[in-house]
PDB file of N, CA and C in Angstrom:
ATOM      1  N   UNK A   1      24.487 -63.962 101.507  1.00  0.00           N
ATOM      2  CA  UNK A   1      23.606 -63.688 102.615  1.00  0.00           C
ATOM      3  C   UNK A   1      24.230 -64.406 103.708  1.00  0.00           C
ATOM      4  N   UNK A   2      24.253 -63.818 104.947  1.00  0.00           N
ATOM      5  CA  UNK A   2      24.750 -64.384 106.016  1.00  0.00           C
ATOM      6  C   UNK A   2      23.956 -64.567 107.238  1.00  0.00           C
ATOM      7  N   UNK A   3      23.617 -65.683 107.860  1.00  0.00           N
ATOM      8  CA  UNK A   3      22.694 -65.710 109.013  1.00  0.00           C
ATOM      9  C   UNK A   3      23.347 -65.438 110.164  1.00  0.00           C
ATOM     10  N   UNK A   4      22.864 -64.430 110.905  1.00  0.00           N
ATOM     11  CA  UNK A   4      23.350 -63.838 112.146  1.00  0.00           C
ATOM     12  C   UNK A   4      22.342 -63.736 113.267  1.00  0.00           C
ATOM     13  N   UNK A   5      22.684 -63.911 114.400  1.00  0.00           N
ATOM     14  CA  UNK A   5      21.842 -63.609 115.613  1.00  0.00           C
ATOM     15  C   UNK A   5      21.806 -62.220 116.028  1.00  0.00           C
ATOM     16  N   UNK A   6      22.954 -61.503 115.915  1.00  0.00           N
ATOM     17  CA  UNK A   6      22.973 -60.108 116.195  1.00  0.00           C
ATOM     18  C   UNK A   6      23.411 -59.226 115.019  1.00  0.00           C
ATOM     19  N   UNK A   7      22.467 -58.793 114.247  1.00  0.00           N
ATOM     20  CA  UNK A   7      22.971 -57.876 113.167  1.00  0.00           C
ATOM     21  C   UNK A   7      23.644 -56.714 113.415  1.00  0.00           C
ATOM     22  N   UNK A   8      23.432 -56.110 114.404  1.00  0.00           N
ATOM     23  CA  UNK A   8      24.388 -54.997 114.731  1.00  0.00           C
ATOM     24  C   UNK A   8      25.794 -55.355 115.087  1.00  0.00           C
ATOM     25  N   UNK A   9      25.997 -56.383 115.742  1.00  0.00           N
ATOM     26  CA  UNK A   9      27.383 -56.794 116.070  1.00  0.00           C
ATOM     27  C   UNK A   9      27.945 -57.450 114.638  1.00  0.00           C
ATOM     28  N   UNK A  10      27.245 -58.124 113.931  1.00  0.00           N
ATOM     29  CA  UNK A  10      27.787 -58.626 112.524  1.00  0.00           C
ATOM     30  C   UNK A  10      28.105 -57.376 111.708  1.00  0.00           C
ATOM     31  N   UNK A  11      27.316 -56.457 111.621  1.00  0.00           N
ATOM     32  CA  UNK A  11      27.516 -55.339 110.802  1.00  0.00           C
ATOM     33  C   UNK A  11      28.779 -54.366 111.228  1.00  0.00           C
ATOM     34  N   UNK A  12      28.891 -54.426 112.607  1.00  0.00           N
ATOM     35  CA  UNK A  12      30.183 -53.674 112.993  1.00  0.00           C
ATOM     36  C   UNK A  12      31.386 -54.390 112.570  1.00  0.00           C
ATOM     37  N   UNK A  13      31.336 -55.786 112.828  1.00  0.00           N
ATOM     38  CA  UNK A  13      32.482 -56.706 112.304  1.00  0.00           C
ATOM     39  C   UNK A  13      32.841 -56.335 110.855  1.00  0.00           C
ATOM     40  N   UNK A  14      31.695 -56.703 110.092  1.00  0.00           N
ATOM     41  CA  UNK A  14      31.897 -56.771 108.514  1.00  0.00           C
ATOM     42  C   UNK A  14      32.212 -55.333 108.029  1.00  0.00           C
ATOM     43  N   UNK A  15      31.634 -54.281 108.574  1.00  0.00           N
ATOM     44  CA  UNK A  15      32.049 -52.831 108.127  1.00  0.00           C
ATOM     45  C   UNK A  15      33.512 -52.550 108.333  1.00  0.00           C
ATOM     46  N   UNK A  16      33.923 -52.901 109.572  1.00  0.00           N
ATOM     47  CA  UNK A  16      35.367 -52.664 109.879  1.00  0.00           C
ATOM     48  C   UNK A  16      36.401 -53.586 108.997  1.00  0.00           C
ATOM     49  N   UNK A  17      35.974 -54.952 108.891  1.00  0.00           N
ATOM     50  CA  UNK A  17      36.889 -55.760 108.118  1.00  0.00           C
ATOM     51  C   UNK A  17      36.865 -55.637 106.741  1.00  0.00           C
ATOM     52  N   UNK A  18      35.845 -55.081 106.033  1.00  0.00           N
ATOM     53  CA  UNK A  18      35.786 -54.841 104.591  1.00  0.00           C
ATOM     54  C   UNK A  18      35.769 -53.483 104.124  1.00  0.00           C
ATOM     55  N   UNK A  19      35.519 -52.307 105.056  1.00  0.00           N
ATOM     56  CA  UNK A  19      35.735 -51.092 104.888  1.00  0.00           C
ATOM     57  C   UNK A  19      34.176 -50.712 104.115  1.00  0.00           C
ATOM     58  N   UNK A  20      33.205 -51.293 104.507  1.00  0.00           N
ATOM     59  CA  UNK A  20      31.842 -51.280 104.143  1.00  0.00           C
ATOM     60  C   UNK A  20      31.100 -50.389 104.830  1.00  0.00           C
ATOM     61  N   UNK A  21      29.934 -49.859 104.350  1.00  0.00           N
ATOM     62  CA  UNK A  21      28.942 -49.258 105.362  1.00  0.00           C
ATOM     63  C   UNK A  21      27.506 -49.927 105.159  1.00  0.00           C
ATOM     64  N   UNK A  22      26.929 -49.679 106.114  1.00  0.00           N
ATOM     65  CA  UNK A  22      25.530 -50.042 106.198  1.00  0.00           C
ATOM     66  C   UNK A  22      24.567 -49.088 105.265  1.00  0.00           C
ATOM     67  N   UNK A  23      23.771 -49.771 104.315  1.00  0.00           N
ATOM     68  CA  UNK A  23      22.995 -48.960 103.391  1.00  0.00           C
ATOM     69  C   UNK A  23      21.944 -48.107 104.207  1.00  0.00           C
ATOM     70  N   UNK A  24      21.727 -46.848 103.894  1.00  0.00           N
ATOM     71  CA  UNK A  24      20.869 -46.029 104.760  1.00  0.00           C
ATOM     72  C   UNK A  24      19.360 -46.350 104.787  1.00  0.00           C
ATOM     73  N   UNK A  25      18.963 -46.971 103.691  1.00  0.00           N
ATOM     74  CA  UNK A  25      17.493 -47.578 103.759  1.00  0.00           C
ATOM     75  C   UNK A  25      17.356 -48.853 104.017  1.00  0.00           C
ATOM     76  N   UNK A  26      18.447 -49.615 104.167  1.00  0.00           N
ATOM     77  CA  UNK A  26      18.461 -50.966 104.617  1.00  0.00           C
ATOM     78  C   UNK A  26      19.619 -51.419 105.396  1.00  0.00           C
ATOM     79  N   UNK A  27      19.614 -51.299 106.739  1.00  0.00           N
ATOM     80  CA  UNK A  27      20.708 -51.362 107.523  1.00  0.00           C
ATOM     81  C   UNK A  27      21.196 -52.760 107.477  1.00  0.00           C
ATOM     82  N   UNK A  28      20.470 -53.729 107.089  1.00  0.00           N
ATOM     83  CA  UNK A  28      20.890 -55.213 107.064  1.00  0.00           C
ATOM     84  C   UNK A  28      21.636 -55.588 105.751  1.00  0.00           C
ATOM     85  N   UNK A  29      21.948 -54.467 104.901  1.00  0.00           N
ATOM     86  CA  UNK A  29      22.642 -54.558 103.750  1.00  0.00           C
ATOM     87  C   UNK A  29      23.935 -53.766 103.793  1.00  0.00           C
ATOM     88  N   UNK A  30      25.210 -54.306 103.656  1.00  0.00           N
ATOM     89  CA  UNK A  30      26.202 -53.656 103.718  1.00  0.00           C
ATOM     90  C   UNK A  30      26.933 -53.437 102.346  1.00  0.00           C
ATOM     91  N   UNK A  31      27.479 -52.342 102.054  1.00  0.00           N
ATOM     92  CA  UNK A  31      28.048 -52.196 100.654  1.00  0.00           C
ATOM     93  C   UNK A  31      29.414 -51.325 100.869  1.00  0.00           C
ATOM     94  N   UNK A  32      30.276 -51.492  99.746  1.00  0.00           N
ATOM     95  CA  UNK A  32      31.635 -50.820  99.920  1.00  0.00           C
ATOM     96  C   UNK A  32      31.349 -49.363  99.937  1.00  0.00           C
ATOM     97  N   UNK A  33      32.174 -48.600 100.658  1.00  0.00           N
ATOM     98  CA  UNK A  33      31.952 -47.116 100.939  1.00  0.00           C
ATOM     99  C   UNK A  33      31.875 -46.254  99.565  1.00  0.00           C
ATOM    100  N   UNK A  34      32.665 -46.875  98.546  1.00  0.00           N
ATOM    101  CA  UNK A  34      32.852 -46.146  97.293  1.00  0.00           C
ATOM    102  C   UNK A  34      31.559 -46.670  96.273  1.00  0.00           C
ATOM    103  N   UNK A  35      30.742 -47.490  96.758  1.00  0.00           N
ATOM    104  CA  UNK A  35      29.604 -47.806  96.099  1.00  0.00           C
ATOM    105  C   UNK A  35      29.862 -49.042  94.959  1.00  0.00           C
ATOM    106  N   UNK A  36      31.168 -49.320  94.673  1.00  0.00           N
ATOM    107  CA  UNK A  36      31.325 -50.451  93.653  1.00  0.00           C
ATOM    108  C   UNK A  36      31.850 -51.665  94.375  1.00  0.00           C
ATOM    109  N   UNK A  37      31.059 -52.862  94.034  1.00  0.00           N
ATOM    110  CA  UNK A  37      31.399 -54.072  94.584  1.00  0.00           C
ATOM    111  C   UNK A  37      30.379 -54.800  95.094  1.00  0.00           C
ATOM    112  N   UNK A  38      30.592 -55.951  95.649  1.00  0.00           N
ATOM    113  CA  UNK A  38      29.548 -56.962  96.263  1.00  0.00           C
ATOM    114  C   UNK A  38      28.957 -56.385  97.370  1.00  0.00           C
ATOM    115  N   UNK A  39      27.611 -56.527  97.693  1.00  0.00           N
ATOM    116  CA  UNK A  39      27.060 -56.151  98.895  1.00  0.00           C
ATOM    117  C   UNK A  39      26.904 -57.435  99.663  1.00  0.00           C
ATOM    118  N   UNK A  40      26.830 -57.329 101.068  1.00  0.00           N
ATOM    119  CA  UNK A  40      26.581 -58.445 101.899  1.00  0.00           C
ATOM    120  C   UNK A  40      25.147 -58.234 102.487  1.00  0.00           C
ATOM    121  N   UNK A  41      24.453 -59.212 102.534  1.00  0.00           N
ATOM    122  CA  UNK A  41      23.242 -59.286 103.331  1.00  0.00           C
ATOM    123  C   UNK A  41      23.217 -60.081 104.605  1.00  0.00           C
ATOM    124  N   UNK A  42      22.927 -59.392 105.626  1.00  0.00           N
ATOM    125  CA  UNK A  42      22.901 -59.935 106.936  1.00  0.00           C
ATOM    126  C   UNK A  42      21.549 -60.558 107.168  1.00  0.00           C
ATOM    127  N   UNK A  43      21.265 -61.818 107.427  1.00  0.00           N
ATOM    128  CA  UNK A  43      19.841 -62.295 107.448  1.00  0.00           C
ATOM    129  C   UNK A  43      19.899 -63.504 108.690  1.00  0.00           C
ATOM    130  N   UNK A  44      18.590 -63.796 109.097  1.00  0.00           N
ATOM    131  CA  UNK A  44      18.367 -64.715 110.186  1.00  0.00           C
ATOM    132  C   UNK A  44      18.120 -66.201 109.664  1.00  0.00           C
ATOM    133  N   UNK A  45      18.070 -66.252 108.285  1.00  0.00           N
ATOM    134  CA  UNK A  45      17.592 -67.560 107.615  1.00  0.00           C
ATOM    135  C   UNK A  45      18.600 -68.476 106.968  1.00  0.00           C
ATOM    136  N   UNK A  46      19.683 -68.012 106.459  1.00  0.00           N
ATOM    137  CA  UNK A  46      20.657 -68.625 105.805  1.00  0.00           C
ATOM    138  C   UNK A  46      22.260 -68.551 106.177  1.00  0.00           C
ATOM    139  N   UNK A  47      22.881 -69.535 106.078  1.00  0.00           N
ATOM    140  CA  UNK A  47      24.321 -69.479 106.321  1.00  0.00           C
ATOM    141  C   UNK A  47      25.123 -69.602 104.922  1.00  0.00           C
ATOM    142  N   UNK A  48      26.002 -68.876 104.972  1.00  0.00           N
ATOM    143  CA  UNK A  48      26.819 -68.797 103.630  1.00  0.00           C
ATOM    144  C   UNK A  48      28.283 -68.675 103.945  1.00  0.00           C
ATOM    145  N   UNK A  49      29.093 -69.276 103.345  1.00  0.00           N
ATOM    146  CA  UNK A  49      30.630 -69.452 103.317  1.00  0.00           C
ATOM    147  C   UNK A  49      31.123 -68.345 102.440  1.00  0.00           C
ATOM    148  N   UNK A  50      31.856 -67.272 103.014  1.00  0.00           N
ATOM    149  CA  UNK A  50      32.514 -66.319 102.020  1.00  0.00           C
ATOM    150  C   UNK A  50      34.122 -66.594 101.774  1.00  0.00           C
ATOM    151  N   UNK A  51      34.447 -66.262 100.656  1.00  0.00           N
ATOM    152  CA  UNK A  51      35.829 -66.328 100.419  1.00  0.00           C
ATOM    153  C   UNK A  51      36.319 -64.942 100.064  1.00  0.00           C
ATOM    154  N   UNK A  52      37.216 -64.477 100.994  1.00  0.00           N
ATOM    155  CA  UNK A  52      37.761 -63.126 100.864  1.00  0.00           C
ATOM    156  C   UNK A  52      39.059 -63.137 100.114  1.00  0.00           C
ATOM    157  N   UNK A  53      39.123 -62.728  99.055  1.00  0.00           N
ATOM    158  CA  UNK A  53      40.451 -62.828  98.086  1.00  0.00           C
ATOM    159  C   UNK A  53      41.359 -61.529  98.269  1.00  0.00           C
ATOM    160  N   UNK A  54      42.530 -61.717  98.702  1.00  0.00           N
ATOM    161  CA  UNK A  54      43.401 -60.556  98.799  1.00  0.00           C
ATOM    162  C   UNK A  54      43.995 -60.027  97.520  1.00  0.00           C
ATOM    163  N   UNK A  55      44.371 -58.867  97.284  1.00  0.00           N
ATOM    164  CA  UNK A  55      45.164 -58.419  96.286  1.00  0.00           C
ATOM    165  C   UNK A  55      46.605 -58.589  96.712  1.00  0.00           C
ATOM    166  N   UNK A  56      47.242 -59.454  95.922  1.00  0.00           N
ATOM    167  CA  UNK A  56      48.588 -59.685  96.440  1.00  0.00           C
ATOM    168  C   UNK A  56      49.559 -58.589  96.402  1.00  0.00           C
ATOM    169  N   UNK A  57      49.274 -57.720  95.671  1.00  0.00           N
ATOM    170  CA  UNK A  57      50.206 -56.483  95.532  1.00  0.00           C
ATOM    171  C   UNK A  57      50.110 -55.606  96.696  1.00  0.00           C
ATOM    172  N   UNK A  58      49.108 -55.684  97.296  1.00  0.00           N
ATOM    173  CA  UNK A  58      48.706 -54.673  98.489  1.00  0.00           C
ATOM    174  C   UNK A  58      48.531 -55.199  99.766  1.00  0.00           C
ATOM    175  N   UNK A  59      48.409 -56.778  99.806  1.00  0.00           N
ATOM    176  CA  UNK A  59      47.959 -57.488 101.137  1.00  0.00           C
ATOM    177  C   UNK A  59      49.009 -58.499 101.378  1.00  0.00           C
ATOM    178  N   UNK A  60      49.127 -58.982 102.506  1.00  0.00           N
ATOM    179  CA  UNK A  60      49.794 -60.076 103.242  1.00  0.00           C
ATOM    180  C   UNK A  60      48.893 -60.814 103.853  1.00  0.00           C
ATOM    181  N   UNK A  61      48.728 -62.204 103.565  1.00  0.00           N
ATOM    182  CA  UNK A  61      47.791 -63.126 104.139  1.00  0.00           C
ATOM    183  C   UNK A  61      47.797 -63.097 105.662  1.00  0.00           C
ATOM    184  N   UNK A  62      48.898 -63.280 106.395  1.00  0.00           N
ATOM    185  CA  UNK A  62      48.985 -63.226 107.717  1.00  0.00           C
ATOM    186  C   UNK A  62      48.686 -61.940 108.501  1.00  0.00           C
ATOM    187  N   UNK A  63      48.942 -60.826 107.702  1.00  0.00           N
ATOM    188  CA  UNK A  63      48.772 -59.516 108.257  1.00  0.00           C
ATOM    189  C   UNK A  63      47.051 -59.309 108.219  1.00  0.00           C
ATOM    190  N   UNK A  64      46.488 -59.682 107.143  1.00  0.00           N
ATOM    191  CA  UNK A  64      45.059 -59.447 107.024  1.00  0.00           C
ATOM    192  C   UNK A  64      44.322 -60.407 107.946  1.00  0.00           C
ATOM    193  N   UNK A  65      44.890 -61.750 108.271  1.00  0.00           N
ATOM    194  CA  UNK A  65      44.280 -62.471 109.153  1.00  0.00           C
ATOM    195  C   UNK A  65      44.412 -61.971 110.610  1.00  0.00           C
ATOM    196  N   UNK A  66      45.524 -61.651 110.895  1.00  0.00           N
ATOM    197  CA  UNK A  66      45.658 -60.868 112.134  1.00  0.00           C
ATOM    198  C   UNK A  66      44.771 -59.788 112.494  1.00  0.00           C
ATOM    199  N   UNK A  67      44.599 -58.818 111.467  1.00  0.00           N
ATOM    200  CA  UNK A  67      43.748 -57.793 111.521  1.00  0.00           C
ATOM    201  C   UNK A  67      42.386 -58.310 111.737  1.00  0.00           C
ATOM    202  N   UNK A  68      41.788 -59.239 111.032  1.00  0.00           N
ATOM    203  CA  UNK A  68      40.425 -59.664 111.348  1.00  0.00           C
ATOM    204  C   UNK A  68      40.359 -60.357 112.705  1.00  0.00           C
ATOM    205  N   UNK A  69      41.318 -61.022 113.130  1.00  0.00           N
ATOM    206  CA  UNK A  69      41.390 -61.697 114.460  1.00  0.00           C
ATOM    207  C   UNK A  69      41.166 -60.502 115.513  1.00  0.00           C
ATOM    208  N   UNK A  70      41.882 -59.307 115.262  1.00  0.00           N
ATOM    209  CA  UNK A  70      41.831 -58.243 116.149  1.00  0.00           C
ATOM    210  C   UNK A  70      40.382 -57.573 116.264  1.00  0.00           C
ATOM    211  N   UNK A  71      39.635 -57.743 114.968  1.00  0.00           N
ATOM    212  CA  UNK A  71      38.361 -57.190 115.055  1.00  0.00           C
ATOM    213  C   UNK A  71      37.219 -58.167 115.705  1.00  0.00           C
ATOM    214  N   UNK A  72      37.835 -59.614 116.017  1.00  0.00           N
ATOM    215  CA  UNK A  72      36.768 -60.464 116.437  1.00  0.00           C
ATOM    216  C   UNK A  72      36.618 -61.630 115.998  1.00  0.00           C
ATOM    217  N   UNK A  73      37.271 -61.824 114.686  1.00  0.00           N
ATOM    218  CA  UNK A  73      37.199 -63.196 114.134  1.00  0.00           C
ATOM    219  C   UNK A  73      37.921 -64.098 114.999  1.00  0.00           C
ATOM    220  N   UNK A  74      37.783 -65.510 114.766  1.00  0.00           N
ATOM    221  CA  UNK A  74      38.673 -66.493 115.479  1.00  0.00           C
ATOM    222  C   UNK A  74      38.926 -67.530 114.373  1.00  0.00           C
ATOM    223  N   UNK A  75      40.099 -68.129 114.807  1.00  0.00           N
ATOM    224  CA  UNK A  75      40.665 -69.153 113.932  1.00  0.00           C
ATOM    225  C   UNK A  75      39.878 -70.435 114.121  1.00  0.00           C
ATOM    226  N   UNK A  76      39.585 -71.202 113.090  1.00  0.00           N
ATOM    227  CA  UNK A  76      38.890 -72.541 113.112  1.00  0.00           C
ATOM    228  C   UNK A  76      39.912 -73.644 113.002  1.00  0.00           C
ATOM    229  N   UNK A  77      39.684 -74.725 113.648  1.00  0.00           N
ATOM    230  CA  UNK A  77      40.313 -75.988 113.453  1.00  0.00           C
ATOM    231  C   UNK A  77      39.949 -76.384 111.787  1.00  0.00           C
ATOM    232  N   UNK A  78      41.263 -76.704 111.119  1.00  0.00           N
ATOM    233  CA  UNK A  78      40.896 -77.115 109.857  1.00  0.00           C
ATOM    234  C   UNK A  78      42.139 -77.824 109.381  1.00  0.00           C
ATOM    235  N   UNK A  79      42.024 -78.947 108.567  1.00  0.00           N
ATOM    236  CA  UNK A  79      42.942 -79.708 107.907  1.00  0.00           C
ATOM    237  C   UNK A  79      43.469 -78.957 106.642  1.00  0.00           C
ATOM    238  N   UNK A  80      44.633 -78.350 106.780  1.00  0.00           N
ATOM    239  CA  UNK A  80      45.167 -77.737 105.481  1.00  0.00           C
ATOM    240  C   UNK A  80      46.022 -78.429 104.650  1.00  0.00           C
ATOM    241  N   UNK A  81      45.835 -78.373 103.259  1.00  0.00           N
ATOM    242  CA  UNK A  81      46.995 -78.898 102.574  1.00  0.00           C
ATOM    243  C   UNK A  81      48.357 -78.227 102.723  1.00  0.00           C
ATOM    244  N   UNK A  82      49.408 -79.072 102.393  1.00  0.00           N
ATOM    245  CA  UNK A  82      50.659 -78.403 102.471  1.00  0.00           C
ATOM    246  C   UNK A  82      50.869 -77.148 101.799  1.00  0.00           C
ATOM    247  N   UNK A  83      50.356 -76.931 100.668  1.00  0.00           N
ATOM    248  CA  UNK A  83      50.550 -75.757  99.852  1.00  0.00           C
ATOM    249  C   UNK A  83      49.400 -74.695 100.114  1.00  0.00           C
ATOM    250  N   UNK A  84      48.667 -74.930 101.140  1.00  0.00           N
ATOM    251  CA  UNK A  84      47.389 -73.997 101.486  1.00  0.00           C
ATOM    252  C   UNK A  84      47.766 -72.319 101.224  1.00  0.00           C
ATOM    253  N   UNK A  85      46.893 -71.663 100.560  1.00  0.00           N
ATOM    254  CA  UNK A  85      47.150 -70.310 100.365  1.00  0.00           C
ATOM    255  C   UNK A  85      46.010 -69.508 100.999  1.00  0.00           C
ATOM    256  N   UNK A  86      45.261 -70.250 102.039  1.00  0.00           N
ATOM    257  CA  UNK A  86      44.224 -69.600 102.739  1.00  0.00           C
ATOM    258  C   UNK A  86      44.129 -69.901 104.241  1.00  0.00           C
ATOM    259  N   UNK A  87      43.284 -69.191 104.915  1.00  0.00           N
ATOM    260  CA  UNK A  87      43.007 -69.464 106.278  1.00  0.00           C
ATOM    261  C   UNK A  87      41.604 -69.456 106.587  1.00  0.00           C
ATOM    262  N   UNK A  88      41.007 -70.393 107.155  1.00  0.00           N
ATOM    263  CA  UNK A  88      39.658 -70.486 107.651  1.00  0.00           C
ATOM    264  C   UNK A  88      39.532 -69.850 108.926  1.00  0.00           C
ATOM    265  N   UNK A  89      38.601 -68.793 109.022  1.00  0.00           N
ATOM    266  CA  UNK A  89      38.209 -68.174 110.286  1.00  0.00           C
ATOM    267  C   UNK A  89      36.749 -68.281 110.445  1.00  0.00           C
ATOM    268  N   UNK A  90      36.093 -67.793 111.749  1.00  0.00           N
ATOM    269  CA  UNK A  90      34.803 -67.512 111.824  1.00  0.00           C
ATOM    270  C   UNK A  90      34.548 -66.188 112.253  1.00  0.00           C
ATOM    271  N   UNK A  91      33.680 -65.483 111.874  1.00  0.00           N
ATOM    272  CA  UNK A  91      33.367 -64.114 112.294  1.00  0.00           C
ATOM    273  C   UNK A  91      32.714 -64.276 113.671  1.00  0.00           C
ATOM    274  N   UNK A  92      32.271 -62.884 114.033  1.00  0.00           N
ATOM    275  CA  UNK A  92      31.616 -62.846 115.439  1.00  0.00           C
ATOM    276  C   UNK A  92      30.360 -63.663 115.792  1.00  0.00           C
ATOM    277  N   UNK A  93      29.670 -64.005 114.537  1.00  0.00           N
ATOM    278  CA  UNK A  93      28.471 -64.814 114.743  1.00  0.00           C
ATOM    279  C   UNK A  93      28.648 -66.326 114.441  1.00  0.00           C
ATOM    280  N   UNK A  94      30.052 -66.901 114.271  1.00  0.00           N
ATOM    281  CA  UNK A  94      30.244 -68.192 113.915  1.00  0.00           C
ATOM    282  C   UNK A  94      30.291 -68.530 112.569  1.00  0.00           C
ATOM    283  N   UNK A  95      30.052 -67.637 111.572  1.00  0.00           N
ATOM    284  CA  UNK A  95      30.136 -67.926 110.209  1.00  0.00           C
ATOM    285  C   UNK A  95      31.581 -68.171 109.786  1.00  0.00           C
ATOM    286  N   UNK A  96      31.747 -69.283 109.074  1.00  0.00           N
ATOM    287  CA  UNK A  96      32.985 -69.577 108.474  1.00  0.00           C
ATOM    288  C   UNK A  96      33.323 -68.608 107.247  1.00  0.00           C
ATOM    289  N   UNK A  97      34.515 -68.341 107.110  1.00  0.00           N
ATOM    290  CA  UNK A  97      35.018 -67.604 105.927  1.00  0.00           C
ATOM    291  C   UNK A  97      36.381 -67.755 105.501  1.00  0.00           C
ATOM    292  N   UNK A  98      36.942 -67.896 104.328  1.00  0.00           N
ATOM    293  CA  UNK A  98      38.254 -68.140 104.095  1.00  0.00           C
ATOM    294  C   UNK A  98      38.889 -66.815 103.670  1.00  0.00           C
ATOM    295  N   UNK A  99      40.083 -66.549 104.082  1.00  0.00           N
ATOM    296  CA  UNK A  99      41.111 -65.461 103.578  1.00  0.00           C
ATOM    297  C   UNK A  99      42.034 -65.950 102.795  1.00  0.00           C
ATOM    298  N   UNK A 100      42.000 -65.690 101.471  1.00  0.00           N
ATOM    299  CA  UNK A 100      42.827 -66.434 100.334  1.00  0.00           C
ATOM    300  C   UNK A 100      43.824 -65.413  99.721  1.00  0.00           C
ATOM    301  N   UNK A 101      45.084 -65.899  99.714  1.00  0.00           N
ATOM    302  CA  UNK A 101      46.144 -65.040  99.079  1.00  0.00           C
ATOM    303  C   UNK A 101      46.069 -65.219  97.543  1.00  0.00           C
TER     304      UNK A 101
END
């Protein structure tokens, strides 16, 4: 569940970032277009940290991060270990999430 101030704006970001669609009967629930996978619930009560794991055979960490920034995500100041395989971003609502290789 993600706490959001503007569900429409958050839905636009996450559907584009993940290739999800809003459920027809419940537009605050986002689900994979093919119907298989984890759903995201946009809510006004709770904040959650997401970890987005990349398929190393088809995705590159820096390319994915730049794509998410182009959609409206922002880099977050973070102290990374020397061998970090992740980048911390904030979505359009300020929710933190990691993109992990």
